[in-house]
Structure formats: structure tokens, C-alpha cells
């Protein structure tokens, strides 16, 4: 219970950040899409978002079936760190 306020603040901050990022993604996709293809383009964005949200969680769920939870979470965090670093590097290049 001592960490409940921190947990709630962290959830609010991360939720606001995720919402802002998704809104920015939708705005960018709609501004770049050809008007006749906006629906299809937005569908692709939603598909990518749903896959990005569900596949890592499903993978972690499958991993904990064969390895202990702390090890699975550690590997999961390591993979996320590497992917994040690669995407940040790619994004910095332009």
C-alpha cells in the first residue's frame, strides 16, 4: 500500500504519454495519406498498434509456461530495451 500513490501517478503519466503518442500517430498518418486511401491507411495503423500491444504480452505469457516468471520478465525487458534503442537510433538518423 505504501507504493499505491506512486503506482497511480505512474499509470496516469504513462497513459497520458501513450494517448498523446497515439493521437500524434493518427494525425501524422491522416496528414500523409492520400485522401482516397485514408481509411485503409488508418486501418493499417490500428492493426500495427493492436499487434504491438498484443504480441509481446502473448509472448511473455507463453514464455512463463516454460521458464520462471522473473527470468521471463528479465528477458522481456531486455528485448524491449534493445528494440527501443534500435528504433531510437533509426529515428535519430532521420
PDB file of N, CA and C in Angstrom:
ATOM      1  N   UNK A   1       0.801  -1.196   0.000  1.00  0.00           N
ATOM      2  CA  UNK A   1       0.000   0.000   0.000  1.00  0.00           C
ATOM      3  C   UNK A   1       0.844   1.259   0.000  1.00  0.00           C
ATOM      4  N   UNK A   2       2.073   1.176   0.464  1.00  0.00           N
ATOM      5  CA  UNK A   2       2.917   2.365   0.500  1.00  0.00           C
ATOM      6  C   UNK A   2       3.237   2.867  -0.904  1.00  0.00           C
ATOM      7  N   UNK A   3       3.257   1.976  -1.889  1.00  0.00           N
ATOM      8  CA  UNK A   3       3.596   2.400  -3.244  1.00  0.00           C
ATOM      9  C   UNK A   3       2.358   2.643  -4.112  1.00  0.00           C
ATOM     10  N   UNK A   4       1.159   2.556  -3.554  1.00  0.00           N
ATOM     11  CA  UNK A   4      -0.052   2.764  -4.346  1.00  0.00           C
ATOM     12  C   UNK A   4      -0.105   4.156  -4.975  1.00  0.00           C
ATOM     13  N   UNK A   5       0.192   5.236  -4.251  1.00  0.00           N
ATOM     14  CA  UNK A   5       0.162   6.550  -4.910  1.00  0.00           C
ATOM     15  C   UNK A   5       1.155   6.650  -6.064  1.00  0.00           C
ATOM     16  N   UNK A   6       2.344   6.099  -5.881  1.00  0.00           N
ATOM     17  CA  UNK A   6       3.334   6.107  -6.954  1.00  0.00           C
ATOM     18  C   UNK A   6       2.838   5.301  -8.151  1.00  0.00           C
ATOM     19  N   UNK A   7       2.211   4.172  -7.874  1.00  0.00           N
ATOM     20  CA  UNK A   7       1.654   3.331  -8.929  1.00  0.00           C
ATOM     21  C   UNK A   7       0.585   4.095  -9.719  1.00  0.00           C
ATOM     22  N   UNK A   8      -0.297   4.779  -9.011  1.00  0.00           N
ATOM     23  CA  UNK A   8      -1.365   5.523  -9.675  1.00  0.00           C
ATOM     24  C   UNK A   8      -0.824   6.691 -10.493  1.00  0.00           C
ATOM     25  N   UNK A   9       0.143   7.409  -9.947  1.00  0.00           N
ATOM     26  CA  UNK A   9       0.749   8.521 -10.689  1.00  0.00           C
ATOM     27  C   UNK A   9       1.477   7.986 -11.929  1.00  0.00           C
ATOM     28  N   UNK A  10       2.201   6.898 -11.780  1.00  0.00           N
ATOM     29  CA  UNK A  10       2.888   6.294 -12.924  1.00  0.00           C
ATOM     30  C   UNK A  10       1.917   5.848 -14.001  1.00  0.00           C
ATOM     31  N   UNK A  11       0.794   5.273 -13.594  1.00  0.00           N
ATOM     32  CA  UNK A  11      -0.228   4.865 -14.560  1.00  0.00           C
ATOM     33  C   UNK A  11      -0.821   6.047 -15.294  1.00  0.00           C
ATOM     34  N   UNK A  12      -1.074   7.134 -14.557  1.00  0.00           N
ATOM     35  CA  UNK A  12      -1.635   8.336 -15.187  1.00  0.00           C
ATOM     36  C   UNK A  12      -0.643   8.966 -16.164  1.00  0.00           C
ATOM     37  N   UNK A  13       0.615   9.049 -15.765  1.00  0.00           N
ATOM     38  CA  UNK A  13       1.635   9.655 -16.632  1.00  0.00           C
ATOM     39  C   UNK A  13       1.858   8.803 -17.882  1.00  0.00           C
ATOM     40  N   UNK A  14       1.983   7.492 -17.696  1.00  0.00           N
ATOM     41  CA  UNK A  14       2.216   6.640 -18.864  1.00  0.00           C
ATOM     42  C   UNK A  14       0.992   6.594 -19.769  1.00  0.00           C
ATOM     43  N   UNK A  15      -0.205   6.624 -19.194  1.00  0.00           N
ATOM     44  CA  UNK A  15      -1.421   6.663 -20.004  1.00  0.00           C
ATOM     45  C   UNK A  15      -1.521   7.939 -20.816  1.00  0.00           C
ATOM     46  N   UNK A  16      -1.180   9.060 -20.191  1.00  0.00           N
ATOM     47  CA  UNK A  16      -1.199  10.333 -20.912  1.00  0.00           C
ATOM     48  C   UNK A  16      -0.161  10.335 -22.031  1.00  0.00           C
ATOM     49  N   UNK A  17       0.999   9.793 -21.762  1.00  0.00           N
ATOM     50  CA  UNK A  17       2.036   9.720 -22.792  1.00  0.00           C
ATOM     51  C   UNK A  17       1.632   8.829 -23.946  1.00  0.00           C
ATOM     52  N   UNK A  18       1.051   7.682 -23.642  1.00  0.00           N
ATOM     53  CA  UNK A  18       0.613   6.765 -24.694  1.00  0.00           C
ATOM     54  C   UNK A  18      -0.511   7.379 -25.520  1.00  0.00           C
ATOM     55  N   UNK A  19      -1.435   8.047 -24.853  1.00  0.00           N
ATOM     56  CA  UNK A  19      -2.527   8.701 -25.573  1.00  0.00           C
ATOM     57  C   UNK A  19      -2.039   9.806 -26.487  1.00  0.00           C
ATOM     58  N   UNK A  20      -1.097  10.589 -25.991  1.00  0.00           N
ATOM     59  CA  UNK A  20      -0.535  11.670 -26.798  1.00  0.00           C
ATOM     60  C   UNK A  20       0.221  11.108 -28.004  1.00  0.00           C
ATOM     61  N   UNK A  21       0.994  10.061 -27.781  1.00  0.00           N
ATOM     62  CA  UNK A  21       1.740   9.447 -28.881  1.00  0.00           C
ATOM     63  C   UNK A  21       0.800   8.864 -29.928  1.00  0.00           C
ATOM     64  N   UNK A  22      -0.274   8.203 -29.485  1.00  0.00           N
ATOM     65  CA  UNK A  22      -1.206   7.619 -30.440  1.00  0.00           C
ATOM     66  C   UNK A  22      -1.943   8.696 -31.216  1.00  0.00           C
ATOM     67  N   UNK A  23      -2.344   9.764 -30.539  1.00  0.00           N
ATOM     68  CA  UNK A  23      -3.001  10.881 -31.221  1.00  0.00           C
ATOM     69  C   UNK A  23      -2.068  11.479 -32.273  1.00  0.00           C
ATOM     70  N   UNK A  24      -0.803  11.627 -31.927  1.00  0.00           N
ATOM     71  CA  UNK A  24       0.174  12.122 -32.886  1.00  0.00           C
ATOM     72  C   UNK A  24       0.336  11.194 -34.071  1.00  0.00           C
ATOM     73  N   UNK A  25       0.305   9.890 -33.807  1.00  0.00           N
ATOM     74  CA  UNK A  25       0.414   8.913 -34.894  1.00  0.00           C
ATOM     75  C   UNK A  25      -0.770   9.011 -35.839  1.00  0.00           C
ATOM     76  N   UNK A  26      -1.962   9.105 -35.280  1.00  0.00           N
ATOM     77  CA  UNK A  26      -3.163   9.217 -36.116  1.00  0.00           C
ATOM     78  C   UNK A  26      -3.110  10.498 -36.943  1.00  0.00           C
ATOM     79  N   UNK A  27      -2.723  11.590 -36.319  1.00  0.00           N
ATOM     80  CA  UNK A  27      -2.629  12.867 -37.026  1.00  0.00           C
ATOM     81  C   UNK A  27      -1.621  12.787 -38.167  1.00  0.00           C
ATOM     82  N   UNK A  28      -0.470  12.196 -37.901  1.00  0.00           N
ATOM     83  CA  UNK A  28       0.561  12.066 -38.930  1.00  0.00           C
ATOM     84  C   UNK A  28       0.093  11.191 -40.079  1.00  0.00           C
ATOM     85  N   UNK A  29      -0.496  10.051 -39.751  1.00  0.00           N
ATOM     86  CA  UNK A  29      -0.963   9.134 -40.794  1.00  0.00           C
ATOM     87  C   UNK A  29      -2.026   9.803 -41.656  1.00  0.00           C
ATOM     88  N   UNK A  30      -2.965  10.484 -41.024  1.00  0.00           N
ATOM     89  CA  UNK A  30      -4.025  11.122 -41.802  1.00  0.00           C
ATOM     90  C   UNK A  30      -3.511  12.275 -42.653  1.00  0.00           C
ATOM     91  N   UNK A  31      -2.493  12.964 -42.175  1.00  0.00           N
ATOM     92  CA  UNK A  31      -1.962  14.076 -42.971  1.00  0.00           C
ATOM     93  C   UNK A  31      -1.117  13.589 -44.141  1.00  0.00           C
ATOM     94  N   UNK A  32      -0.519  12.424 -44.036  1.00  0.00           N
ATOM     95  CA  UNK A  32       0.328  11.902 -45.108  1.00  0.00           C
ATOM     96  C   UNK A  32      -0.433  11.039 -46.115  1.00  0.00           C
ATOM     97  N   UNK A  33      -1.572  10.524 -45.699  1.00  0.00           N
ATOM     98  CA  UNK A  33      -2.313   9.598 -46.558  1.00  0.00           C
ATOM     99  C   UNK A  33      -2.997  10.344 -47.700  1.00  0.00           C
ATOM    100  N   UNK A  34      -3.066   9.682 -48.821  1.00  0.00           N
ATOM    101  CA  UNK A  34      -3.844  10.186 -49.959  1.00  0.00           C
ATOM    102  C   UNK A  34      -5.311  10.162 -49.521  1.00  0.00           C
ATOM    103  N   UNK A  35      -6.065  11.221 -49.807  1.00  0.00           N
ATOM    104  CA  UNK A  35      -7.455  11.284 -49.326  1.00  0.00           C
ATOM    105  C   UNK A  35      -8.301  10.044 -49.653  1.00  0.00           C
ATOM    106  N   UNK A  36      -8.075   9.440 -50.803  1.00  0.00           N
ATOM    107  CA  UNK A  36      -8.862   8.263 -51.192  1.00  0.00           C
ATOM    108  C   UNK A  36      -8.475   7.018 -50.409  1.00  0.00           C
ATOM    109  N   UNK A  37      -7.338   7.058 -49.728  1.00  0.00           N
ATOM    110  CA  UNK A  37      -6.822   5.878 -49.020  1.00  0.00           C
ATOM    111  C   UNK A  37      -6.726   6.094 -47.511  1.00  0.00           C
ATOM    112  N   UNK A  38      -7.346   7.124 -46.985  1.00  0.00           N
ATOM    113  CA  UNK A  38      -7.220   7.415 -45.548  1.00  0.00           C
ATOM    114  C   UNK A  38      -7.767   6.294 -44.677  1.00  0.00           C
ATOM    115  N   UNK A  39      -8.891   5.729 -45.066  1.00  0.00           N
ATOM    116  CA  UNK A  39      -9.477   4.635 -44.279  1.00  0.00           C
ATOM    117  C   UNK A  39      -8.559   3.437 -44.216  1.00  0.00           C
ATOM    118  N   UNK A  40      -8.014   3.059 -45.356  1.00  0.00           N
ATOM    119  CA  UNK A  40      -7.099   1.923 -45.416  1.00  0.00           C
ATOM    120  C   UNK A  40      -5.831   2.202 -44.624  1.00  0.00           C
ATOM    121  N   UNK A  41      -5.330   3.416 -44.749  1.00  0.00           N
ATOM    122  CA  UNK A  41      -4.098   3.780 -44.054  1.00  0.00           C
ATOM    123  C   UNK A  41      -4.307   3.775 -42.545  1.00  0.00           C
ATOM    124  N   UNK A  42      -5.421   4.301 -42.105  1.00  0.00           N
ATOM    125  CA  UNK A  42      -5.728   4.318 -40.677  1.00  0.00           C
ATOM    126  C   UNK A  42      -5.944   2.898 -40.157  1.00  0.00           C
ATOM    127  N   UNK A  43      -6.534   2.040 -40.981  1.00  0.00           N
ATOM    128  CA  UNK A  43      -6.695   0.638 -40.604  1.00  0.00           C
ATOM    129  C   UNK A  43      -5.335  -0.019 -40.389  1.00  0.00           C
ATOM    130  N   UNK A  44      -4.386   0.289 -41.246  1.00  0.00           N
ATOM    131  CA  UNK A  44      -3.030  -0.244 -41.076  1.00  0.00           C
ATOM    132  C   UNK A  44      -2.394   0.223 -39.782  1.00  0.00           C
ATOM    133  N   UNK A  45      -2.606   1.492 -39.431  1.00  0.00           N
ATOM    134  CA  UNK A  45      -2.074   1.998 -38.172  1.00  0.00           C
ATOM    135  C   UNK A  45      -2.690   1.262 -36.986  1.00  0.00           C
ATOM    136  N   UNK A  46      -4.004   1.078 -36.999  1.00  0.00           N
ATOM    137  CA  UNK A  46      -4.661   0.367 -35.904  1.00  0.00           C
ATOM    138  C   UNK A  46      -4.200  -1.084 -35.831  1.00  0.00           C
ATOM    139  N   UNK A  47      -4.024  -1.731 -36.968  1.00  0.00           N
ATOM    140  CA  UNK A  47      -3.533  -3.108 -36.974  1.00  0.00           C
ATOM    141  C   UNK A  47      -2.147  -3.183 -36.351  1.00  0.00           C
ATOM    142  N   UNK A  48      -1.267  -2.277 -36.747  1.00  0.00           N
ATOM    143  CA  UNK A  48       0.077  -2.252 -36.180  1.00  0.00           C
ATOM    144  C   UNK A  48       0.031  -1.984 -34.673  1.00  0.00           C
ATOM    145  N   UNK A  49      -0.840  -1.082 -34.247  1.00  0.00           N
ATOM    146  CA  UNK A  49      -0.951  -0.765 -32.820  1.00  0.00           C
ATOM    147  C   UNK A  49      -1.451  -1.972 -32.034  1.00  0.00           C
ATOM    148  N   UNK A  50      -2.477  -2.638 -32.545  1.00  0.00           N
ATOM    149  CA  UNK A  50      -3.010  -3.803 -31.833  1.00  0.00           C
ATOM    150  C   UNK A  50      -1.995  -4.941 -31.786  1.00  0.00           C
ATOM    151  N   UNK A  51      -1.280  -5.155 -32.873  1.00  0.00           N
ATOM    152  CA  UNK A  51      -0.241  -6.192 -32.854  1.00  0.00           C
ATOM    153  C   UNK A  51       0.867  -5.836 -31.873  1.00  0.00           C
ATOM    154  N   UNK A  52       1.236  -4.562 -31.860  1.00  0.00           N
ATOM    155  CA  UNK A  52       2.276  -4.119 -30.936  1.00  0.00           C
ATOM    156  C   UNK A  52       1.873  -4.237 -29.481  1.00  0.00           C
ATOM    157  N   UNK A  53       0.580  -4.134 -29.214  1.00  0.00           N
ATOM    158  CA  UNK A  53       0.094  -4.274 -27.842  1.00  0.00           C
ATOM    159  C   UNK A  53      -0.096  -5.735 -27.443  1.00  0.00           C
ATOM    160  N   UNK A  54      -0.518  -6.568 -28.374  1.00  0.00           N
ATOM    161  CA  UNK A  54      -0.889  -7.931 -28.004  1.00  0.00           C
ATOM    162  C   UNK A  54       0.234  -8.957 -28.137  1.00  0.00           C
ATOM    163  N   UNK A  55       1.033  -8.876 -29.180  1.00  0.00           N
ATOM    164  CA  UNK A  55       2.054  -9.909 -29.387  1.00  0.00           C
ATOM    165  C   UNK A  55       3.092  -9.992 -28.266  1.00  0.00           C
ATOM    166  N   UNK A  56       3.616  -8.878 -27.763  1.00  0.00           N
ATOM    167  CA  UNK A  56       4.571  -9.006 -26.659  1.00  0.00           C
ATOM    168  C   UNK A  56       3.958  -9.643 -25.406  1.00  0.00           C
ATOM    169  N   UNK A  57       2.726  -9.306 -25.103  1.00  0.00           N
ATOM    170  CA  UNK A  57       2.071  -9.870 -23.924  1.00  0.00           C
ATOM    171  C   UNK A  57       1.810 -11.362 -24.113  1.00  0.00           C
ATOM    172  N   UNK A  58       1.369 -11.733 -25.302  1.00  0.00           N
ATOM    173  CA  UNK A  58       1.166 -13.155 -25.584  1.00  0.00           C
ATOM    174  C   UNK A  58       2.487 -13.919 -25.524  1.00  0.00           C
ATOM    175  N   UNK A  59       3.540 -13.318 -26.060  1.00  0.00           N
ATOM    176  CA  UNK A  59       4.861 -13.961 -25.993  1.00  0.00           C
ATOM    177  C   UNK A  59       5.326 -14.139 -24.570  1.00  0.00           C
ATOM    178  N   UNK A  60       5.133 -13.141 -23.733  1.00  0.00           N
ATOM    179  CA  UNK A  60       5.512 -13.255 -22.327  1.00  0.00           C
ATOM    180  C   UNK A  60       4.675 -14.326 -21.634  1.00  0.00           C
ATOM    181  N   UNK A  61       3.397 -14.367 -21.951  1.00  0.00           N
ATOM    182  CA  UNK A  61       2.531 -15.401 -21.375  1.00  0.00           C
ATOM    183  C   UNK A  61       2.971 -16.800 -21.762  1.00  0.00           C
ATOM    184  N   UNK A  62       3.393 -16.974 -22.999  1.00  0.00           N
ATOM    185  CA  UNK A  62       3.898 -18.283 -23.430  1.00  0.00           C
ATOM    186  C   UNK A  62       5.241 -18.596 -22.764  1.00  0.00           C
ATOM    187  N   UNK A  63       6.075 -17.574 -22.612  1.00  0.00           N
ATOM    188  CA  UNK A  63       7.392 -17.796 -22.012  1.00  0.00           C
ATOM    189  C   UNK A  63       7.288 -18.262 -20.567  1.00  0.00           C
ATOM    190  N   UNK A  64       6.343 -17.719 -19.810  1.00  0.00           N
ATOM    191  CA  UNK A  64       6.239 -18.111 -18.404  1.00  0.00           C
ATOM    192  C   UNK A  64       5.692 -19.521 -18.237  1.00  0.00           C
ATOM    193  N   UNK A  65       5.267 -20.128 -19.324  1.00  0.00           N
ATOM    194  CA  UNK A  65       4.853 -21.527 -19.257  1.00  0.00           C
ATOM    195  C   UNK A  65       6.057 -22.461 -19.177  1.00  0.00           C
ATOM    196  N   UNK A  66       7.217 -21.980 -19.622  1.00  0.00           N
ATOM    197  CA  UNK A  66       8.393 -22.851 -19.666  1.00  0.00           C
ATOM    198  C   UNK A  66       9.547 -22.378 -18.789  1.00  0.00           C
ATOM    199  N   UNK A  67       9.596 -21.103 -18.448  1.00  0.00           N
ATOM    200  CA  UNK A  67      10.676 -20.578 -17.601  1.00  0.00           C
ATOM    201  C   UNK A  67      10.061 -19.816 -16.434  1.00  0.00           C
ATOM    202  N   UNK A  68      10.806 -19.666 -15.349  1.00  0.00           N
ATOM    203  CA  UNK A  68      10.269 -18.911 -14.205  1.00  0.00           C
ATOM    204  C   UNK A  68       9.943 -17.468 -14.584  1.00  0.00           C
ATOM    205  N   UNK A  69       8.943 -16.909 -13.925  1.00  0.00           N
ATOM    206  CA  UNK A  69       8.454 -15.566 -14.228  1.00  0.00           C
ATOM    207  C   UNK A  69       9.562 -14.514 -14.156  1.00  0.00           C
ATOM    208  N   UNK A  70      10.398 -14.488 -13.100  1.00  0.00           N
ATOM    209  CA  UNK A  70      11.437 -13.440 -13.061  1.00  0.00           C
ATOM    210  C   UNK A  70      12.384 -13.485 -14.263  1.00  0.00           C
ATOM    211  N   UNK A  71      12.746 -14.678 -14.697  1.00  0.00           N
ATOM    212  CA  UNK A  71      13.629 -14.796 -15.864  1.00  0.00           C
ATOM    213  C   UNK A  71      12.920 -14.341 -17.136  1.00  0.00           C
ATOM    214  N   UNK A  72      11.662 -14.722 -17.294  1.00  0.00           N
ATOM    215  CA  UNK A  72      10.902 -14.324 -18.483  1.00  0.00           C
ATOM    216  C   UNK A  72      10.752 -12.806 -18.545  1.00  0.00           C
ATOM    217  N   UNK A  73      10.462 -12.192 -17.402  1.00  0.00           N
ATOM    218  CA  UNK A  73      10.297 -10.737 -17.370  1.00  0.00           C
ATOM    219  C   UNK A  73      11.627 -10.047 -17.652  1.00  0.00           C
ATOM    220  N   UNK A  74      12.717 -10.598 -17.144  1.00  0.00           N
ATOM    221  CA  UNK A  74      14.038 -10.017 -17.392  1.00  0.00           C
ATOM    222  C   UNK A  74      14.389 -10.073 -18.882  1.00  0.00           C
ATOM    223  N   UNK A  75      14.145 -11.195 -19.513  1.00  0.00           N
ATOM    224  CA  UNK A  75      14.408 -11.317 -20.953  1.00  0.00           C
ATOM    225  C   UNK A  75      13.485 -10.382 -21.735  1.00  0.00           C
ATOM    226  N   UNK A  76      12.216 -10.324 -21.340  1.00  0.00           N
ATOM    227  CA  UNK A  76      11.246  -9.435 -21.977  1.00  0.00           C
ATOM    228  C   UNK A  76      11.715  -7.980 -21.894  1.00  0.00           C
ATOM    229  N   UNK A  77      12.154  -7.566 -20.712  1.00  0.00           N
ATOM    230  CA  UNK A  77      12.641  -6.191 -20.535  1.00  0.00           C
ATOM    231  C   UNK A  77      13.896  -5.947 -21.372  1.00  0.00           C
ATOM    232  N   UNK A  78      14.778  -6.941 -21.449  1.00  0.00           N
ATOM    233  CA  UNK A  78      15.987  -6.799 -22.258  1.00  0.00           C
ATOM    234  C   UNK A  78      15.674  -6.650 -23.738  1.00  0.00           C
ATOM    235  N   UNK A  79      14.741  -7.444 -24.222  1.00  0.00           N
ATOM    236  CA  UNK A  79      14.342  -7.351 -25.630  1.00  0.00           C
ATOM    237  C   UNK A  79      13.724  -5.981 -25.911  1.00  0.00           C
ATOM    238  N   UNK A  80      12.867  -5.511 -25.013  1.00  0.00           N
ATOM    239  CA  UNK A  80      12.269  -4.188 -25.184  1.00  0.00           C
ATOM    240  C   UNK A  80      13.331  -3.096 -25.191  1.00  0.00           C
ATOM    241  N   UNK A  81      14.322  -3.232 -24.344  1.00  0.00           N
ATOM    242  CA  UNK A  81      15.403  -2.247 -24.287  1.00  0.00           C
ATOM    243  C   UNK A  81      16.179  -2.210 -25.601  1.00  0.00           C
ATOM    244  N   UNK A  82      16.504  -3.376 -26.134  1.00  0.00           N
ATOM    245  CA  UNK A  82      17.244  -3.445 -27.399  1.00  0.00           C
ATOM    246  C   UNK A  82      16.409  -2.875 -28.543  1.00  0.00           C
ATOM    247  N   UNK A  83      15.142  -3.259 -28.615  1.00  0.00           N
ATOM    248  CA  UNK A  83      14.268  -2.756 -29.685  1.00  0.00           C
ATOM    249  C   UNK A  83      14.115  -1.243 -29.583  1.00  0.00           C
ATOM    250  N   UNK A  84      13.936  -0.750 -28.365  1.00  0.00           N
ATOM    251  CA  UNK A  84      13.811   0.694 -28.159  1.00  0.00           C
ATOM    252  C   UNK A  84      15.074   1.424 -28.592  1.00  0.00           C
ATOM    253  N   UNK A  85      16.234   0.889 -28.236  1.00  0.00           N
ATOM    254  CA  UNK A  85      17.499   1.521 -28.622  1.00  0.00           C
ATOM    255  C   UNK A  85      17.668   1.532 -30.135  1.00  0.00           C
ATOM    256  N   UNK A  86      17.315   0.429 -30.798  1.00  0.00           N
ATOM    257  CA  UNK A  86      17.425   0.373 -32.260  1.00  0.00           C
ATOM    258  C   UNK A  86      16.487   1.375 -32.927  1.00  0.00           C
ATOM    259  N   UNK A  87      15.262   1.456 -32.426  1.00  0.00           N
ATOM    260  CA  UNK A  87      14.311   2.411 -33.009  1.00  0.00           C
ATOM    261  C   UNK A  87      14.726   3.848 -32.740  1.00  0.00           C
ATOM    262  N   UNK A  88      15.272   4.116 -31.565  1.00  0.00           N
ATOM    263  CA  UNK A  88      15.741   5.474 -31.264  1.00  0.00           C
ATOM    264  C   UNK A  88      16.903   5.848 -32.172  1.00  0.00           C
ATOM    265  N   UNK A  89      17.793   4.913 -32.401  1.00  0.00           N
ATOM    266  CA  UNK A  89      18.938   5.170 -33.294  1.00  0.00           C
ATOM    267  C   UNK A  89      18.465   5.433 -34.721  1.00  0.00           C
ATOM    268  N   UNK A  90      17.505   4.604 -35.157  1.00  0.00           N
ATOM    269  CA  UNK A  90      16.971   4.785 -36.516  1.00  0.00           C
ATOM    270  C   UNK A  90      16.250   6.124 -36.631  1.00  0.00           C
ATOM    271  N   UNK A  91      15.495   6.475 -35.607  1.00  0.00           N
ATOM    272  CA  UNK A  91      14.757   7.729 -35.618  1.00  0.00           C
ATOM    273  C   UNK A  91      15.697   8.934 -35.600  1.00  0.00           C
ATOM    274  N   UNK A  92      16.814   8.818 -34.904  1.00  0.00           N
ATOM    275  CA  UNK A  92      17.762   9.929 -34.805  1.00  0.00           C
ATOM    276  C   UNK A  92      18.450  10.189 -36.154  1.00  0.00           C
ATOM    277  N   UNK A  93      18.584   9.158 -36.957  1.00  0.00           N
ATOM    278  CA  UNK A  93      19.209   9.316 -38.275  1.00  0.00           C
ATOM    279  C   UNK A  93      18.310  10.077 -39.233  1.00  0.00           C
ATOM    280  N   UNK A  94      17.009  10.056 -38.960  1.00  0.00           N
ATOM    281  CA  UNK A  94      16.094  10.812 -39.825  1.00  0.00           C
ATOM    282  C   UNK A  94      15.375   9.925 -40.716  1.00  0.00           C
TER     283      UNK A  94
END
